[in-house]
Amino acid sequence: QVQLVESGGGLVQPGASLRLPCVASGRLLDINVMGWYRQAPEKKRELVAVITNGGHTNYGGSVKGRFTISRANAKVYLQMNSLKPEDTALYYCSYRDISGYWGQGTQVTVSS
C-alpha cells in the first residue's frame, strides 16, 4: 500500500502563485510515476502534470508554460504560476507503479 498526503491548496486571486507538495509513503517501488490531476465541478478528472522517477515530465495542455512539476525521491511538487479562475479545482496527487494510488485532494480556488 502507498499513502499520499497533499497540502498547499487555498484561495488566491487571479495571477497569483501556489505550490502544492505531496509526500508518498509506504511500499514504494524504484520505477514509478508521480503527478497531479484535477477535477472541477461537473467535469472529468484531467491530467495536470506527471513526472517519472527519471525526471521525465508530461503536462496537460492548459497548464503548459505556467505550471512546473518537480520531485525529490518520494516528494512531488507542483509550482503553479499565473493562476486563472479556470484553474479552480480539487487537485489530486497520484502515484503509480504496478498499481495506482490517489491522495485525498486539496482544493485550489482562484477568484477575485
PDB file of N, CA and C in Angstrom:
ATOM      1  N   GLN A   1       0.831  -1.196   0.000  1.00  0.00           N
ATOM      2  CA  GLN A   1       0.000   0.000   0.000  1.00  0.00           C
ATOM      3  C   GLN A   1       0.869   1.251   0.000  1.00  0.00           C
ATOM      4  N   VAL A   2       0.335   2.302  -0.619  1.00  0.00           N
ATOM      5  CA  VAL A   2       1.008   3.595  -0.686  1.00  0.00           C
ATOM      6  C   VAL A   2       0.050   4.647  -0.166  1.00  0.00           C
ATOM      7  N   GLN A   3       0.566   5.551   0.627  1.00  0.00           N
ATOM      8  CA  GLN A   3      -0.227   6.664   1.134  1.00  0.00           C
ATOM      9  C   GLN A   3       0.326   7.965   0.549  1.00  0.00           C
ATOM     10  N   LEU A   4      -0.580   8.862   0.203  1.00  0.00           N
ATOM     11  CA  LEU A   4      -0.219  10.157  -0.359  1.00  0.00           C
ATOM     12  C   LEU A   4      -0.841  11.254   0.489  1.00  0.00           C
ATOM     13  N   VAL A   5      -0.029  12.244   0.852  1.00  0.00           N
ATOM     14  CA  VAL A   5      -0.512  13.365   1.642  1.00  0.00           C
ATOM     15  C   VAL A   5      -0.215  14.654   0.889  1.00  0.00           C
ATOM     16  N   GLU A   6      -1.285  15.360   0.527  1.00  0.00           N
ATOM     17  CA  GLU A   6      -1.153  16.625  -0.200  1.00  0.00           C
ATOM     18  C   GLU A   6      -1.348  17.790   0.761  1.00  0.00           C
ATOM     19  N   SER A   7      -0.843  18.948   0.342  1.00  0.00           N
ATOM     20  CA  SER A   7      -1.085  20.186   1.087  1.00  0.00           C
ATOM     21  C   SER A   7      -0.889  21.350   0.130  1.00  0.00           C
ATOM     22  N   GLY A   8      -1.106  22.562   0.628  1.00  0.00           N
ATOM     23  CA  GLY A   8      -0.770  23.748  -0.147  1.00  0.00           C
ATOM     24  C   GLY A   8      -1.907  24.415  -0.897  1.00  0.00           C
ATOM     25  N   GLY A   9      -3.096  23.840  -0.879  1.00  0.00           N
ATOM     26  CA  GLY A   9      -4.200  24.477  -1.577  1.00  0.00           C
ATOM     27  C   GLY A   9      -4.678  25.721  -0.860  1.00  0.00           C
ATOM     28  N   GLY A  10      -5.599  26.442  -1.503  1.00  0.00           N
ATOM     29  CA  GLY A  10      -6.151  27.627  -0.867  1.00  0.00           C
ATOM     30  C   GLY A  10      -6.882  28.500  -1.854  1.00  0.00           C
ATOM     31  N   LEU A  11      -7.253  29.686  -1.366  1.00  0.00           N
ATOM     32  CA  LEU A  11      -7.950  30.693  -2.170  1.00  0.00           C
ATOM     33  C   LEU A  11      -6.961  31.779  -2.544  1.00  0.00           C
ATOM     34  N   VAL A  12      -6.820  32.027  -3.845  1.00  0.00           N
ATOM     35  CA  VAL A  12      -5.913  33.054  -4.321  1.00  0.00           C
ATOM     36  C   VAL A  12      -6.584  33.870  -5.405  1.00  0.00           C
ATOM     37  N   GLN A  13      -6.013  35.040  -5.682  1.00  0.00           N
ATOM     38  CA  GLN A  13      -6.537  35.891  -6.739  1.00  0.00           C
ATOM     39  C   GLN A  13      -5.921  35.505  -8.083  1.00  0.00           C
ATOM     40  N   PRO A  14      -6.587  35.845  -9.163  1.00  0.00           N
ATOM     41  CA  PRO A  14      -6.010  35.596 -10.494  1.00  0.00           C
ATOM     42  C   PRO A  14      -4.629  36.238 -10.617  1.00  0.00           C
ATOM     43  N   GLY A  15      -3.714  35.496 -11.250  1.00  0.00           N
ATOM     44  CA  GLY A  15      -2.345  35.971 -11.407  1.00  0.00           C
ATOM     45  C   GLY A  15      -1.411  35.546 -10.308  1.00  0.00           C
ATOM     46  N   ALA A  16      -1.943  35.031  -9.227  1.00  0.00           N
ATOM     47  CA  ALA A  16      -1.115  34.621  -8.092  1.00  0.00           C
ATOM     48  C   ALA A  16      -0.446  33.268  -8.349  1.00  0.00           C
ATOM     49  N   SER A  17       0.378  32.865  -7.389  1.00  0.00           N
ATOM     50  CA  SER A  17       1.084  31.585  -7.461  1.00  0.00           C
ATOM     51  C   SER A  17       0.765  30.741  -6.232  1.00  0.00           C
ATOM     52  N   LEU A  18       0.851  29.433  -6.419  1.00  0.00           N
ATOM     53  CA  LEU A  18       0.715  28.476  -5.328  1.00  0.00           C
ATOM     54  C   LEU A  18       1.667  27.329  -5.585  1.00  0.00           C
ATOM     55  N   ARG A  19       2.087  26.672  -4.503  1.00  0.00           N
ATOM     56  CA  ARG A  19       2.942  25.483  -4.618  1.00  0.00           C
ATOM     57  C   ARG A  19       2.268  24.354  -3.856  1.00  0.00           C
ATOM     58  N   LEU A  20       2.046  23.250  -4.549  1.00  0.00           N
ATOM     59  CA  LEU A  20       1.410  22.087  -3.949  1.00  0.00           C
ATOM     60  C   LEU A  20       2.453  20.995  -3.728  1.00  0.00           C
ATOM     61  N   PRO A  21       2.719  20.639  -2.470  1.00  0.00           N
ATOM     62  CA  PRO A  21       3.582  19.493  -2.198  1.00  0.00           C
ATOM     63  C   PRO A  21       2.744  18.232  -1.951  1.00  0.00           C
ATOM     64  N   CYS A  22       3.363  17.094  -2.232  1.00  0.00           N
ATOM     65  CA  CYS A  22       2.733  15.803  -1.952  1.00  0.00           C
ATOM     66  C   CYS A  22       3.833  14.836  -1.536  1.00  0.00           C
ATOM     67  N   VAL A  23       3.576  14.111  -0.475  1.00  0.00           N
ATOM     68  CA  VAL A  23       4.545  13.138   0.023  1.00  0.00           C
ATOM     69  C   VAL A  23       3.961  11.744  -0.066  1.00  0.00           C
ATOM     70  N   ALA A  24       4.714  10.832  -0.659  1.00  0.00           N
ATOM     71  CA  ALA A  24       4.314   9.429  -0.753  1.00  0.00           C
ATOM     72  C   ALA A  24       5.063   8.622   0.296  1.00  0.00           C
ATOM     73  N   SER A  25       4.369   7.679   0.898  1.00  0.00           N
ATOM     74  CA  SER A  25       4.993   6.787   1.873  1.00  0.00           C
ATOM     75  C   SER A  25       4.397   5.401   1.727  1.00  0.00           C
ATOM     76  N   GLY A  26       5.079   4.431   2.304  1.00  0.00           N
ATOM     77  CA  GLY A  26       4.613   3.053   2.228  1.00  0.00           C
ATOM     78  C   GLY A  26       5.516   2.215   1.348  1.00  0.00           C
ATOM     79  N   ARG A  27       4.918   1.279   0.647  1.00  0.00           N
ATOM     80  CA  ARG A  27       5.670   0.338  -0.172  1.00  0.00           C
ATOM     81  C   ARG A  27       5.897   0.940  -1.562  1.00  0.00           C
ATOM     82  N   LEU A  28       6.994   1.688  -1.689  1.00  0.00           N
ATOM     83  CA  LEU A  28       7.292   2.384  -2.933  1.00  0.00           C
ATOM     84  C   LEU A  28       8.294   1.596  -3.763  1.00  0.00           C
ATOM     85  N   LEU A  29       8.069   1.541  -5.068  1.00  0.00           N
ATOM     86  CA  LEU A  29       8.996   0.868  -5.970  1.00  0.00           C
ATOM     87  C   LEU A  29       9.907   1.885  -6.645  1.00  0.00           C
ATOM     88  N   ASP A  30      11.078   1.414  -7.118  1.00  0.00           N
ATOM     89  CA  ASP A  30      12.046   2.335  -7.712  1.00  0.00           C
ATOM     90  C   ASP A  30      11.508   2.982  -8.988  1.00  0.00           C
ATOM     91  N   ILE A  31      10.768   2.216  -9.783  1.00  0.00           N
ATOM     92  CA  ILE A  31      10.240   2.740 -11.045  1.00  0.00           C
ATOM     93  C   ILE A  31       8.795   3.152 -10.814  1.00  0.00           C
ATOM     94  N   ASN A  32       8.542   4.442 -10.934  1.00  0.00           N
ATOM     95  CA  ASN A  32       7.192   4.938 -10.664  1.00  0.00           C
ATOM     96  C   ASN A  32       6.970   6.267 -11.351  1.00  0.00           C
ATOM     97  N   VAL A  33       5.726   6.677 -11.350  1.00  0.00           N
ATOM     98  CA  VAL A  33       5.333   7.977 -11.883  1.00  0.00           C
ATOM     99  C   VAL A  33       4.512   8.678 -10.815  1.00  0.00           C
ATOM    100  N   MET A  34       4.872   9.895 -10.515  1.00  0.00           N
ATOM    101  CA  MET A  34       4.078  10.704  -9.586  1.00  0.00           C
ATOM    102  C   MET A  34       3.555  11.922 -10.315  1.00  0.00           C
ATOM    103  N   GLY A  35       2.469  12.467  -9.820  1.00  0.00           N
ATOM    104  CA  GLY A  35       1.954  13.633 -10.508  1.00  0.00           C
ATOM    105  C   GLY A  35       0.705  14.202  -9.884  1.00  0.00           C
ATOM    106  N   TRP A  36       0.078  15.077 -10.657  1.00  0.00           N
ATOM    107  CA  TRP A  36      -1.114  15.783 -10.214  1.00  0.00           C
ATOM    108  C   TRP A  36      -2.193  15.733 -11.292  1.00  0.00           C
ATOM    109  N   TYR A  37      -3.406  15.505 -10.854  1.00  0.00           N
ATOM    110  CA  TYR A  37      -4.590  15.602 -11.683  1.00  0.00           C
ATOM    111  C   TYR A  37      -5.546  16.558 -10.985  1.00  0.00           C
ATOM    112  N   ARG A  38      -6.536  17.046 -11.700  1.00  0.00           N
ATOM    113  CA  ARG A  38      -7.515  17.928 -11.089  1.00  0.00           C
ATOM    114  C   ARG A  38      -8.900  17.639 -11.620  1.00  0.00           C
ATOM    115  N   GLN A  39      -9.882  18.005 -10.807  1.00  0.00           N
ATOM    116  CA  GLN A  39     -11.276  17.807 -11.188  1.00  0.00           C
ATOM    117  C   GLN A  39     -12.086  19.000 -10.727  1.00  0.00           C
ATOM    118  N   ALA A  40     -12.674  19.685 -11.689  1.00  0.00           N
ATOM    119  CA  ALA A  40     -13.562  20.801 -11.398  1.00  0.00           C
ATOM    120  C   ALA A  40     -14.992  20.268 -11.303  1.00  0.00           C
ATOM    121  N   PRO A  41     -15.885  21.014 -10.656  1.00  0.00           N
ATOM    122  CA  PRO A  41     -17.274  20.558 -10.535  1.00  0.00           C
ATOM    123  C   PRO A  41     -17.893  20.238 -11.890  1.00  0.00           C
ATOM    124  N   GLU A  42     -18.524  19.086 -11.972  1.00  0.00           N
ATOM    125  CA  GLU A  42     -19.233  18.622 -13.171  1.00  0.00           C
ATOM    126  C   GLU A  42     -18.312  18.394 -14.361  1.00  0.00           C
ATOM    127  N   LYS A  43     -17.025  18.221 -14.103  1.00  0.00           N
ATOM    128  CA  LYS A  43     -16.083  17.923 -15.174  1.00  0.00           C
ATOM    129  C   LYS A  43     -15.317  16.649 -14.837  1.00  0.00           C
ATOM    130  N   LYS A  44     -14.726  16.035 -15.859  1.00  0.00           N
ATOM    131  CA  LYS A  44     -13.936  14.835 -15.648  1.00  0.00           C
ATOM    132  C   LYS A  44     -12.573  15.195 -15.049  1.00  0.00           C
ATOM    133  N   ARG A  45     -12.002  14.223 -14.345  1.00  0.00           N
ATOM    134  CA  ARG A  45     -10.662  14.418 -13.833  1.00  0.00           C
ATOM    135  C   ARG A  45      -9.685  14.505 -15.012  1.00  0.00           C
ATOM    136  N   GLU A  46      -8.760  15.471 -14.952  1.00  0.00           N
ATOM    137  CA  GLU A  46      -7.842  15.669 -16.068  1.00  0.00           C
ATOM    138  C   GLU A  46      -6.393  15.757 -15.592  1.00  0.00           C
ATOM    139  N   LEU A  47      -5.495  15.429 -16.507  1.00  0.00           N
ATOM    140  CA  LEU A  47      -4.068  15.497 -16.219  1.00  0.00           C
ATOM    141  C   LEU A  47      -3.632  16.948 -16.034  1.00  0.00           C
ATOM    142  N   VAL A  48      -2.863  17.187 -14.985  1.00  0.00           N
ATOM    143  CA  VAL A  48      -2.179  18.465 -14.825  1.00  0.00           C
ATOM    144  C   VAL A  48      -0.715  18.268 -15.225  1.00  0.00           C
ATOM    145  N   ALA A  49      -0.014  17.392 -14.507  1.00  0.00           N
ATOM    146  CA  ALA A  49       1.385  17.119 -14.816  1.00  0.00           C
ATOM    147  C   ALA A  49       1.821  15.842 -14.109  1.00  0.00           C
ATOM    148  N   VAL A  50       2.704  15.090 -14.762  1.00  0.00           N
ATOM    149  CA  VAL A  50       3.294  13.902 -14.158  1.00  0.00           C
ATOM    150  C   VAL A  50       4.789  13.917 -14.385  1.00  0.00           C
ATOM    151  N   ILE A  51       5.505  13.192 -13.533  1.00  0.00           N
ATOM    152  CA  ILE A  51       6.956  13.110 -13.635  1.00  0.00           C
ATOM    153  C   ILE A  51       7.399  11.706 -13.233  1.00  0.00           C
ATOM    154  N   THR A  52       8.297  11.121 -14.019  1.00  0.00           N
ATOM    155  CA  THR A  52       8.787   9.787 -13.712  1.00  0.00           C
ATOM    156  C   THR A  52       9.917   9.854 -12.693  1.00  0.00           C
ATOM    157  N   ASN A  53      10.306   8.696 -12.198  1.00  0.00           N
ATOM    158  CA  ASN A  53      11.427   8.656 -11.269  1.00  0.00           C
ATOM    159  C   ASN A  53      12.711   9.129 -11.948  1.00  0.00           C
ATOM    160  N   GLY A  54      12.753   9.068 -13.290  1.00  0.00           N
ATOM    161  CA  GLY A  54      13.916   9.536 -14.039  1.00  0.00           C
ATOM    162  C   GLY A  54      13.859  11.007 -14.399  1.00  0.00           C
ATOM    163  N   GLY A  55      12.775  11.663 -14.038  1.00  0.00           N
ATOM    164  CA  GLY A  55      12.654  13.105 -14.274  1.00  0.00           C
ATOM    165  C   GLY A  55      11.946  13.503 -15.559  1.00  0.00           C
ATOM    166  N   HIS A  56      11.430  12.528 -16.295  1.00  0.00           N
ATOM    167  CA  HIS A  56      10.677  12.879 -17.499  1.00  0.00           C
ATOM    168  C   HIS A  56       9.300  13.409 -17.104  1.00  0.00           C
ATOM    169  N   THR A  57       8.874  14.476 -17.787  1.00  0.00           N
ATOM    170  CA  THR A  57       7.620  15.143 -17.430  1.00  0.00           C
ATOM    171  C   THR A  57       6.629  15.159 -18.583  1.00  0.00           C
ATOM    172  N   ASN A  58       5.362  15.301 -18.227  1.00  0.00           N
ATOM    173  CA  ASN A  58       4.297  15.473 -19.211  1.00  0.00           C
ATOM    174  C   ASN A  58       3.268  16.403 -18.601  1.00  0.00           C
ATOM    175  N   TYR A  59       2.797  17.383 -19.376  1.00  0.00           N
ATOM    176  CA  TYR A  59       1.866  18.383 -18.874  1.00  0.00           C
ATOM    177  C   TYR A  59       0.573  18.368 -19.666  1.00  0.00           C
ATOM    178  N   GLY A  60      -0.505  18.703 -18.978  1.00  0.00           N
ATOM    179  CA  GLY A  60      -1.759  18.955 -19.656  1.00  0.00           C
ATOM    180  C   GLY A  60      -1.659  20.251 -20.445  1.00  0.00           C
ATOM    181  N   GLY A  61      -2.396  20.302 -21.567  1.00  0.00           N
ATOM    182  CA  GLY A  61      -2.245  21.428 -22.474  1.00  0.00           C
ATOM    183  C   GLY A  61      -2.560  22.781 -21.866  1.00  0.00           C
ATOM    184  N   SER A  62      -3.520  22.837 -20.967  1.00  0.00           N
ATOM    185  CA  SER A  62      -3.958  24.126 -20.439  1.00  0.00           C
ATOM    186  C   SER A  62      -2.987  24.721 -19.415  1.00  0.00           C
ATOM    187  N   VAL A  63      -2.028  23.950 -18.941  1.00  0.00           N
ATOM    188  CA  VAL A  63      -1.121  24.455 -17.909  1.00  0.00           C
ATOM    189  C   VAL A  63       0.309  24.624 -18.405  1.00  0.00           C
ATOM    190  N   LYS A  64       0.589  24.205 -19.619  1.00  0.00           N
ATOM    191  CA  LYS A  64       1.952  24.314 -20.141  1.00  0.00           C
ATOM    192  C   LYS A  64       2.422  25.765 -20.122  1.00  0.00           C
ATOM    193  N   GLY A  65       3.643  25.950 -19.634  1.00  0.00           N
ATOM    194  CA  GLY A  65       4.205  27.291 -19.561  1.00  0.00           C
ATOM    195  C   GLY A  65       3.856  28.042 -18.292  1.00  0.00           C
ATOM    196  N   ARG A  66       2.890  27.536 -17.526  1.00  0.00           N
ATOM    197  CA  ARG A  66       2.506  28.208 -16.277  1.00  0.00           C
ATOM    198  C   ARG A  66       2.818  27.350 -15.044  1.00  0.00           C
ATOM    199  N   PHE A  67       2.686  26.046 -15.188  1.00  0.00           N
ATOM    200  CA  PHE A  67       2.908  25.125 -14.067  1.00  0.00           C
ATOM    201  C   PHE A  67       4.202  24.354 -14.303  1.00  0.00           C
ATOM    202  N   THR A  68       4.873  24.022 -13.201  1.00  0.00           N
ATOM    203  CA  THR A  68       6.093  23.231 -13.263  1.00  0.00           C
ATOM    204  C   THR A  68       6.038  22.141 -12.207  1.00  0.00           C
ATOM    205  N   ILE A  69       6.307  20.906 -12.634  1.00  0.00           N
ATOM    206  CA  ILE A  69       6.338  19.791 -11.700  1.00  0.00           C
ATOM    207  C   ILE A  69       7.788  19.397 -11.442  1.00  0.00           C
ATOM    208  N   SER A  70       8.061  19.033 -10.211  1.00  0.00           N
ATOM    209  CA  SER A  70       9.397  18.579  -9.841  1.00  0.00           C
ATOM    210  C   SER A  70       9.249  17.534  -8.742  1.00  0.00           C
ATOM    211  N   ARG A  71      10.325  16.815  -8.483  1.00  0.00           N
ATOM    212  CA  ARG A  71      10.255  15.816  -7.421  1.00  0.00           C
ATOM    213  C   ARG A  71      11.612  15.598  -6.790  1.00  0.00           C
ATOM    214  N   ALA A  72      11.565  15.127  -5.564  1.00  0.00           N
ATOM    215  CA  ALA A  72      12.763  14.730  -4.839  1.00  0.00           C
ATOM    216  C   ALA A  72      12.406  13.424  -4.140  1.00  0.00           C
ATOM    217  N   ASN A  73      12.838  12.335  -4.744  1.00  0.00           N
ATOM    218  CA  ASN A  73      12.525  10.998  -4.240  1.00  0.00           C
ATOM    219  C   ASN A  73      11.009  10.818  -4.145  1.00  0.00           C
ATOM    220  N   ALA A  74      10.493  10.668  -2.938  1.00  0.00           N
ATOM    221  CA  ALA A  74       9.070  10.371  -2.771  1.00  0.00           C
ATOM    222  C   ALA A  74       8.228  11.613  -2.565  1.00  0.00           C
ATOM    223  N   LYS A  75       8.784  12.785  -2.854  1.00  0.00           N
ATOM    224  CA  LYS A  75       8.029  14.028  -2.760  1.00  0.00           C
ATOM    225  C   LYS A  75       7.891  14.636  -4.140  1.00  0.00           C
ATOM    226  N   VAL A  76       6.701  15.097  -4.449  1.00  0.00           N
ATOM    227  CA  VAL A  76       6.462  15.759  -5.722  1.00  0.00           C
ATOM    228  C   VAL A  76       5.866  17.132  -5.450  1.00  0.00           C
ATOM    229  N   TYR A  77       6.253  18.111  -6.269  1.00  0.00           N
ATOM    230  CA  TYR A  77       5.819  19.487  -6.083  1.00  0.00           C
ATOM    231  C   TYR A  77       5.220  20.007  -7.383  1.00  0.00           C
ATOM    232  N   LEU A  78       4.146  20.786  -7.241  1.00  0.00           N
ATOM    233  CA  LEU A  78       3.553  21.454  -8.388  1.00  0.00           C
ATOM    234  C   LEU A  78       3.602  22.950  -8.129  1.00  0.00           C
ATOM    235  N   GLN A  79       4.437  23.650  -8.885  1.00  0.00           N
ATOM    236  CA  GLN A  79       4.516  25.105  -8.806  1.00  0.00           C
ATOM    237  C   GLN A  79       3.548  25.678  -9.832  1.00  0.00           C
ATOM    238  N   MET A  80       2.572  26.420  -9.349  1.00  0.00           N
ATOM    239  CA  MET A  80       1.542  26.974 -10.214  1.00  0.00           C
ATOM    240  C   MET A  80       1.670  28.482 -10.238  1.00  0.00           C
ATOM    241  N   ASN A  81       1.950  29.047 -11.406  1.00  0.00           N
ATOM    242  CA  ASN A  81       2.087  30.486 -11.583  1.00  0.00           C
ATOM    243  C   ASN A  81       0.989  31.008 -12.502  1.00  0.00           C
ATOM    244  N   SER A  82       0.775  32.289 -12.445  1.00  0.00           N
ATOM    245  CA  SER A  82      -0.225  32.943 -13.314  1.00  0.00           C
ATOM    246  C   SER A  82      -1.563  32.210 -13.260  1.00  0.00           C
ATOM    247  N   LEU A  83      -2.038  31.962 -12.070  1.00  0.00           N
ATOM    248  CA  LEU A  83      -3.269  31.199 -11.909  1.00  0.00           C
ATOM    249  C   LEU A  83      -4.467  31.936 -12.487  1.00  0.00           C
ATOM    250  N   LYS A  84      -5.378  31.153 -13.053  1.00  0.00           N
ATOM    251  CA  LYS A  84      -6.578  31.682 -13.680  1.00  0.00           C
ATOM    252  C   LYS A  84      -7.803  31.101 -12.978  1.00  0.00           C
ATOM    253  N   PRO A  85      -8.948  31.767 -13.076  1.00  0.00           N
ATOM    254  CA  PRO A  85     -10.167  31.200 -12.469  1.00  0.00           C
ATOM    255  C   PRO A  85     -10.471  29.792 -12.965  1.00  0.00           C
ATOM    256  N   GLU A  86     -10.137  29.489 -14.204  1.00  0.00           N
ATOM    257  CA  GLU A  86     -10.400  28.153 -14.740  1.00  0.00           C
ATOM    258  C   GLU A  86      -9.479  27.078 -14.164  1.00  0.00           C
ATOM    259  N   ASP A  87      -8.497  27.474 -13.375  1.00  0.00           N
ATOM    260  CA  ASP A  87      -7.658  26.508 -12.672  1.00  0.00           C
ATOM    261  C   ASP A  87      -8.320  26.026 -11.375  1.00  0.00           C
ATOM    262  N   THR A  88      -9.424  26.622 -11.020  1.00  0.00           N
ATOM    263  CA  THR A  88     -10.143  26.223  -9.810  1.00  0.00           C
ATOM    264  C   THR A  88     -10.584  24.771  -9.919  1.00  0.00           C
ATOM    265  N   ALA A  89     -10.181  23.967  -8.942  1.00  0.00           N
ATOM    266  CA  ALA A  89     -10.494  22.534  -8.969  1.00  0.00           C
ATOM    267  C   ALA A  89      -9.974  21.884  -7.698  1.00  0.00           C
ATOM    268  N   LEU A  90     -10.364  20.633  -7.529  1.00  0.00           N
ATOM    269  CA  LEU A  90      -9.769  19.790  -6.487  1.00  0.00           C
ATOM    270  C   LEU A  90      -8.565  19.096  -7.133  1.00  0.00           C
ATOM    271  N   TYR A  91      -7.406  19.293  -6.560  1.00  0.00           N
ATOM    272  CA  TYR A  91      -6.164  18.764  -7.116  1.00  0.00           C
ATOM    273  C   TYR A  91      -5.768  17.498  -6.364  1.00  0.00           C
ATOM    274  N   TYR A  92      -5.547  16.437  -7.130  1.00  0.00           N
ATOM    275  CA  TYR A  92      -5.221  15.133  -6.559  1.00  0.00           C
ATOM    276  C   TYR A  92      -3.781  14.753  -6.890  1.00  0.00           C
ATOM    277  N   CYS A  93      -3.066  14.317  -5.881  1.00  0.00           N
ATOM    278  CA  CYS A  93      -1.752  13.744  -6.089  1.00  0.00           C
ATOM    279  C   CYS A  93      -1.914  12.280  -6.497  1.00  0.00           C
ATOM    280  N   SER A  94      -1.045  11.817  -7.382  1.00  0.00           N
ATOM    281  CA  SER A  94      -1.117  10.424  -7.825  1.00  0.00           C
ATOM    282  C   SER A  94       0.258   9.781  -7.763  1.00  0.00           C
ATOM    283  N   TYR A  95       0.237   8.473  -7.554  1.00  0.00           N
ATOM    284  CA  TYR A  95       1.447   7.655  -7.588  1.00  0.00           C
ATOM    285  C   TYR A  95       1.087   6.369  -8.318  1.00  0.00           C
ATOM    286  N   ARG A  96       1.978   5.968  -9.243  1.00  0.00           N
ATOM    287  CA  ARG A  96       1.697   4.739  -9.986  1.00  0.00           C
ATOM    288  C   ARG A  96       2.975   3.948 -10.206  1.00  0.00           C
ATOM    289  N   ASP A  97       2.943   2.685  -9.821  1.00  0.00           N
ATOM    290  CA  ASP A  97       3.979   1.752 -10.239  1.00  0.00           C
ATOM    291  C   ASP A  97       3.254   0.587 -10.903  1.00  0.00           C
ATOM    292  N   ILE A  98       3.145  -0.566 -10.273  1.00  0.00           N
ATOM    293  CA  ILE A  98       2.328  -1.632 -10.844  1.00  0.00           C
ATOM    294  C   ILE A  98       0.873  -1.459 -10.424  1.00  0.00           C
ATOM    295  N   SER A  99       0.626  -0.565  -9.480  1.00  0.00           N
ATOM    296  CA  SER A  99      -0.722  -0.194  -9.051  1.00  0.00           C
ATOM    297  C   SER A  99      -0.802   1.325  -9.030  1.00  0.00           C
ATOM    298  N   GLY A 100      -2.011   1.839  -8.933  1.00  0.00           N
ATOM    299  CA  GLY A 100      -2.200   3.280  -8.888  1.00  0.00           C
ATOM    300  C   GLY A 100      -2.842   3.714  -7.591  1.00  0.00           C
ATOM    301  N   TYR A 101      -2.435   4.877  -7.101  1.00  0.00           N
ATOM    302  CA  TYR A 101      -2.944   5.400  -5.833  1.00  0.00           C
ATOM    303  C   TYR A 101      -3.248   6.891  -5.989  1.00  0.00           C
ATOM    304  N   TRP A 102      -4.229   7.325  -5.196  1.00  0.00           N
ATOM    305  CA  TRP A 102      -4.625   8.741  -5.200  1.00  0.00           C
ATOM    306  C   TRP A 102      -4.580   9.297  -3.791  1.00  0.00           C
ATOM    307  N   GLY A 103      -4.285  10.597  -3.699  1.00  0.00           N
ATOM    308  CA  GLY A 103      -4.433  11.292  -2.439  1.00  0.00           C
ATOM    309  C   GLY A 103      -5.869  11.722  -2.243  1.00  0.00           C
ATOM    310  N   GLN A 104      -6.127  12.402  -1.122  1.00  0.00           N
ATOM    311  CA  GLN A 104      -7.476  12.832  -0.800  1.00  0.00           C
ATOM    312  C   GLN A 104      -7.886  14.077  -1.565  1.00  0.00           C
ATOM    313  N   GLY A 105      -6.924  14.824  -2.066  1.00  0.00           N
ATOM    314  CA  GLY A 105      -7.220  16.034  -2.808  1.00  0.00           C
ATOM    315  C   GLY A 105      -7.049  17.289  -1.971  1.00  0.00           C
ATOM    316  N   THR A 106      -6.650  18.357  -2.626  1.00  0.00           N
ATOM    317  CA  THR A 106      -6.540  19.662  -1.976  1.00  0.00           C
ATOM    318  C   THR A 106      -7.191  20.696  -2.887  1.00  0.00           C
ATOM    319  N   GLN A 107      -8.030  21.543  -2.306  1.00  0.00           N
ATOM    320  CA  GLN A 107      -8.810  22.492  -3.091  1.00  0.00           C
ATOM    321  C   GLN A 107      -7.983  23.727  -3.448  1.00  0.00           C
ATOM    322  N   VAL A 108      -8.039  24.086  -4.722  1.00  0.00           N
ATOM    323  CA  VAL A 108      -7.448  25.327  -5.203  1.00  0.00           C
ATOM    324  C   VAL A 108      -8.570  26.164  -5.800  1.00  0.00           C
ATOM    325  N   THR A 109      -8.746  27.368  -5.281  1.00  0.00           N
ATOM    326  CA  THR A 109      -9.766  28.270  -5.773  1.00  0.00           C
ATOM    327  C   THR A 109      -9.108  29.570  -6.203  1.00  0.00           C
ATOM    328  N   VAL A 110      -9.349  29.959  -7.450  1.00  0.00           N
ATOM    329  CA  VAL A 110      -8.783  31.189  -7.995  1.00  0.00           C
ATOM    330  C   VAL A 110      -9.940  32.140  -8.283  1.00  0.00           C
ATOM    331  N   SER A 111     -10.009  33.196  -7.508  1.00  0.00           N
ATOM    332  CA  SER A 111     -11.144  34.110  -7.612  1.00  0.00           C
ATOM    333  C   SER A 111     -10.763  35.485  -7.091  1.00  0.00           C
ATOM    334  N   SER A 112     -11.349  36.516  -7.714  1.00  0.00           N
ATOM    335  CA  SER A 112     -11.133  37.870  -7.225  1.00  0.00           C
ATOM    336  C   SER A 112     -12.234  38.278  -6.268  1.00  0.00           C
TER     337      SER A 112
END
